[in-house]
Amino acid sequence: MGLPQEALGHHARRIRLQVIPNNRASTLDAFVLANVELGSIILTDDHPSYVNLSKLGYTHDPNTFGLMAAHVVLP
């Protein structure tokens, strides 16, 4: 699922949810380009598929929450 979020400070103002077919970089890139204004700050988990966001014109702020990395598939 894709979830870009528009924020004002640390408060979410608007989100967009969409089921996406996979978590490949090309899929995530296309979703972000279609839904997030260029130049925005994008907060994500630290999944490796977000690697291109900075190259596409966004400020990428990856964060890992908890002990489990984002690329670990849950049971």
N, C-alpha and C. Protein backbone atom coordinates (compact mmCIF):
# COMPACT_ATOMS: atom_id res chain seq x y z
N MET A 1 0.85 -1.16 0.00
CA MET A 1 0.00 0.00 0.00
C MET A 1 0.90 1.23 0.00
N GLY A 2 0.59 2.20 -0.81
CA GLY A 2 1.31 3.45 -0.83
C GLY A 2 0.63 4.46 0.07
N LEU A 3 1.42 5.29 0.73
CA LEU A 3 0.85 6.24 1.68
C LEU A 3 1.69 7.51 1.75
N PRO A 4 1.59 8.41 0.77
CA PRO A 4 2.24 9.70 0.96
C PRO A 4 1.39 10.54 1.90
N GLN A 5 2.03 11.35 2.68
CA GLN A 5 1.33 12.15 3.69
C GLN A 5 1.79 13.60 3.59
N GLU A 6 0.84 14.50 3.56
CA GLU A 6 1.17 15.93 3.61
C GLU A 6 1.15 16.33 5.07
N ALA A 7 2.20 17.02 5.50
CA ALA A 7 2.28 17.36 6.92
C ALA A 7 2.53 18.84 7.10
N LEU A 8 2.08 19.34 8.23
CA LEU A 8 2.36 20.70 8.66
C LEU A 8 3.06 20.54 10.00
N GLY A 9 4.37 20.73 10.01
CA GLY A 9 5.13 20.41 11.21
C GLY A 9 5.09 18.91 11.39
N HIS A 10 4.68 18.45 12.53
CA HIS A 10 4.58 17.01 12.79
C HIS A 10 3.14 16.53 12.77
N HIS A 11 2.23 17.32 12.20
CA HIS A 11 0.82 16.97 12.16
C HIS A 11 0.39 16.65 10.73
N ALA A 12 -0.16 15.45 10.54
CA ALA A 12 -0.62 15.06 9.21
C ALA A 12 -1.82 15.90 8.82
N ARG A 13 -1.84 16.36 7.56
CA ARG A 13 -2.97 17.12 7.06
C ARG A 13 -3.75 16.34 6.01
N ARG A 14 -3.04 15.57 5.19
CA ARG A 14 -3.72 14.86 4.12
C ARG A 14 -2.89 13.62 3.77
N ILE A 15 -3.56 12.51 3.54
CA ILE A 15 -2.87 11.30 3.11
C ILE A 15 -3.57 10.74 1.88
N ARG A 16 -2.85 9.94 1.13
CA ARG A 16 -3.41 9.27 -0.04
C ARG A 16 -3.05 7.80 0.07
N LEU A 17 -4.05 6.93 0.12
CA LEU A 17 -3.83 5.49 0.19
C LEU A 17 -4.16 4.87 -1.16
N GLN A 18 -3.36 3.90 -1.53
CA GLN A 18 -3.63 3.16 -2.76
C GLN A 18 -2.95 1.81 -2.65
N VAL A 19 -3.63 0.76 -3.04
CA VAL A 19 -3.00 -0.55 -3.12
C VAL A 19 -2.07 -0.52 -4.33
N ILE A 20 -0.83 -0.91 -4.12
CA ILE A 20 0.14 -0.96 -5.22
C ILE A 20 0.57 -2.42 -5.40
N PRO A 21 0.98 -2.79 -6.60
CA PRO A 21 1.23 -4.20 -6.89
C PRO A 21 2.47 -4.80 -6.22
N ASN A 22 3.42 -3.97 -5.84
CA ASN A 22 4.65 -4.48 -5.24
C ASN A 22 5.39 -3.33 -4.59
N ASN A 23 6.53 -3.62 -3.97
CA ASN A 23 7.29 -2.56 -3.30
C ASN A 23 8.62 -2.29 -4.01
N ARG A 24 8.65 -2.49 -5.31
CA ARG A 24 9.85 -2.16 -6.09
C ARG A 24 10.03 -0.65 -6.18
N ALA A 25 11.27 -0.23 -6.33
CA ALA A 25 11.58 1.20 -6.41
C ALA A 25 10.79 1.86 -7.54
N SER A 26 10.69 1.23 -8.70
CA SER A 26 9.99 1.85 -9.83
C SER A 26 8.50 2.05 -9.52
N THR A 27 7.90 1.13 -8.79
CA THR A 27 6.49 1.26 -8.42
C THR A 27 6.29 2.38 -7.41
N LEU A 28 7.15 2.42 -6.39
CA LEU A 28 7.05 3.47 -5.37
C LEU A 28 7.35 4.84 -5.98
N ASP A 29 8.34 4.90 -6.87
CA ASP A 29 8.67 6.17 -7.53
C ASP A 29 7.46 6.70 -8.30
N ALA A 30 6.81 5.84 -9.07
CA ALA A 30 5.65 6.26 -9.87
C ALA A 30 4.52 6.74 -8.97
N PHE A 31 4.29 6.05 -7.86
CA PHE A 31 3.23 6.44 -6.93
C PHE A 31 3.52 7.80 -6.32
N VAL A 32 4.75 8.01 -5.88
CA VAL A 32 5.12 9.29 -5.27
C VAL A 32 5.03 10.41 -6.30
N LEU A 33 5.56 10.20 -7.50
CA LEU A 33 5.49 11.23 -8.55
C LEU A 33 4.06 11.63 -8.87
N ALA A 34 3.14 10.68 -8.82
CA ALA A 34 1.74 10.96 -9.16
C ALA A 34 0.99 11.63 -8.01
N ASN A 35 1.52 11.56 -6.78
CA ASN A 35 0.74 12.01 -5.63
C ASN A 35 1.39 13.04 -4.72
N VAL A 36 2.67 13.32 -4.92
CA VAL A 36 3.38 14.21 -4.00
C VAL A 36 4.04 15.34 -4.79
N GLU A 37 3.86 16.56 -4.33
CA GLU A 37 4.44 17.72 -5.00
C GLU A 37 5.97 17.65 -4.95
N LEU A 38 6.62 17.92 -6.09
CA LEU A 38 8.08 17.93 -6.14
C LEU A 38 8.62 18.91 -5.10
N GLY A 39 9.73 18.54 -4.48
CA GLY A 39 10.34 19.38 -3.47
C GLY A 39 9.84 19.09 -2.06
N SER A 40 8.84 18.23 -1.94
CA SER A 40 8.30 17.90 -0.62
C SER A 40 9.27 17.06 0.18
N ILE A 41 9.10 17.09 1.49
CA ILE A 41 9.85 16.21 2.38
C ILE A 41 9.02 14.94 2.54
N ILE A 42 9.63 13.80 2.29
CA ILE A 42 8.93 12.52 2.39
C ILE A 42 9.54 11.73 3.54
N LEU A 43 8.70 11.42 4.51
CA LEU A 43 9.10 10.60 5.65
C LEU A 43 8.71 9.16 5.35
N THR A 44 9.66 8.25 5.41
CA THR A 44 9.37 6.85 5.13
C THR A 44 10.07 5.97 6.17
N ASP A 45 9.77 4.68 6.08
CA ASP A 45 10.60 3.73 6.80
C ASP A 45 11.91 3.65 6.01
N ASP A 46 12.81 2.83 6.42
CA ASP A 46 14.13 2.78 5.79
C ASP A 46 14.22 1.69 4.72
N HIS A 47 13.10 1.41 4.05
CA HIS A 47 13.08 0.36 3.03
C HIS A 47 13.97 0.77 1.86
N PRO A 48 14.78 -0.17 1.34
CA PRO A 48 15.72 0.17 0.27
C PRO A 48 15.07 0.63 -1.04
N SER A 49 13.80 0.35 -1.25
CA SER A 49 13.15 0.75 -2.50
C SER A 49 12.89 2.25 -2.61
N TYR A 50 13.11 2.99 -1.54
CA TYR A 50 12.95 4.45 -1.59
C TYR A 50 14.23 5.15 -2.05
N VAL A 51 15.17 4.41 -2.56
CA VAL A 51 16.50 4.91 -2.90
C VAL A 51 16.49 6.09 -3.88
N ASN A 52 15.50 6.18 -4.76
CA ASN A 52 15.50 7.21 -5.81
C ASN A 52 14.82 8.52 -5.43
N LEU A 53 14.19 8.61 -4.28
CA LEU A 53 13.39 9.80 -3.96
C LEU A 53 14.20 11.09 -4.02
N SER A 54 15.41 11.08 -3.51
CA SER A 54 16.24 12.29 -3.56
C SER A 54 16.58 12.66 -5.00
N LYS A 55 16.87 11.66 -5.82
CA LYS A 55 17.19 11.90 -7.23
C LYS A 55 16.00 12.45 -8.01
N LEU A 56 14.79 12.14 -7.54
CA LEU A 56 13.57 12.58 -8.22
C LEU A 56 13.14 14.00 -7.83
N GLY A 57 13.83 14.60 -6.86
CA GLY A 57 13.50 15.97 -6.49
C GLY A 57 12.80 16.13 -5.15
N TYR A 58 12.85 15.09 -4.32
CA TYR A 58 12.24 15.15 -2.99
C TYR A 58 13.33 15.14 -1.92
N THR A 59 12.99 15.62 -0.75
CA THR A 59 13.87 15.46 0.40
C THR A 59 13.39 14.21 1.12
N HIS A 60 14.25 13.21 1.19
CA HIS A 60 13.87 11.93 1.78
C HIS A 60 14.41 11.84 3.21
N ASP A 61 13.51 11.59 4.16
CA ASP A 61 13.87 11.45 5.56
C ASP A 61 13.48 10.05 6.03
N PRO A 62 14.39 9.06 5.84
CA PRO A 62 14.06 7.69 6.25
C PRO A 62 14.20 7.50 7.76
N ASN A 63 13.28 6.74 8.33
CA ASN A 63 13.30 6.46 9.77
C ASN A 63 12.99 4.99 9.99
N THR A 64 13.70 4.38 10.93
CA THR A 64 13.40 3.02 11.34
C THR A 64 12.82 3.08 12.73
N PHE A 65 11.64 2.51 12.89
CA PHE A 65 10.96 2.50 14.18
C PHE A 65 10.97 1.08 14.72
N GLY A 66 11.38 0.91 15.93
CA GLY A 66 11.42 -0.42 16.53
C GLY A 66 12.67 -1.17 16.11
N LEU A 67 12.68 -2.45 16.40
CA LEU A 67 13.86 -3.27 16.18
C LEU A 67 13.87 -3.97 14.83
N MET A 68 12.74 -4.03 14.14
CA MET A 68 12.68 -4.77 12.89
C MET A 68 12.85 -3.85 11.69
N ALA A 69 13.76 -4.20 10.82
CA ALA A 69 14.00 -3.42 9.60
C ALA A 69 12.79 -3.52 8.67
N ALA A 70 12.60 -2.52 7.83
CA ALA A 70 11.43 -2.45 6.96
C ALA A 70 11.39 -3.54 5.90
N HIS A 71 12.55 -4.05 5.50
CA HIS A 71 12.57 -5.06 4.44
C HIS A 71 12.28 -6.48 4.94
N VAL A 72 12.13 -6.65 6.25
CA VAL A 72 11.81 -7.97 6.82
C VAL A 72 10.33 -8.24 6.64
N VAL A 73 9.99 -9.36 6.00
CA VAL A 73 8.60 -9.71 5.77
C VAL A 73 7.99 -10.24 7.06
N LEU A 74 6.84 -9.69 7.42
CA LEU A 74 6.17 -10.13 8.64
C LEU A 74 5.53 -11.50 8.43
N PRO A 75 5.42 -12.30 9.51
CA PRO A 75 4.82 -13.63 9.37
C PRO A 75 3.33 -13.56 9.08
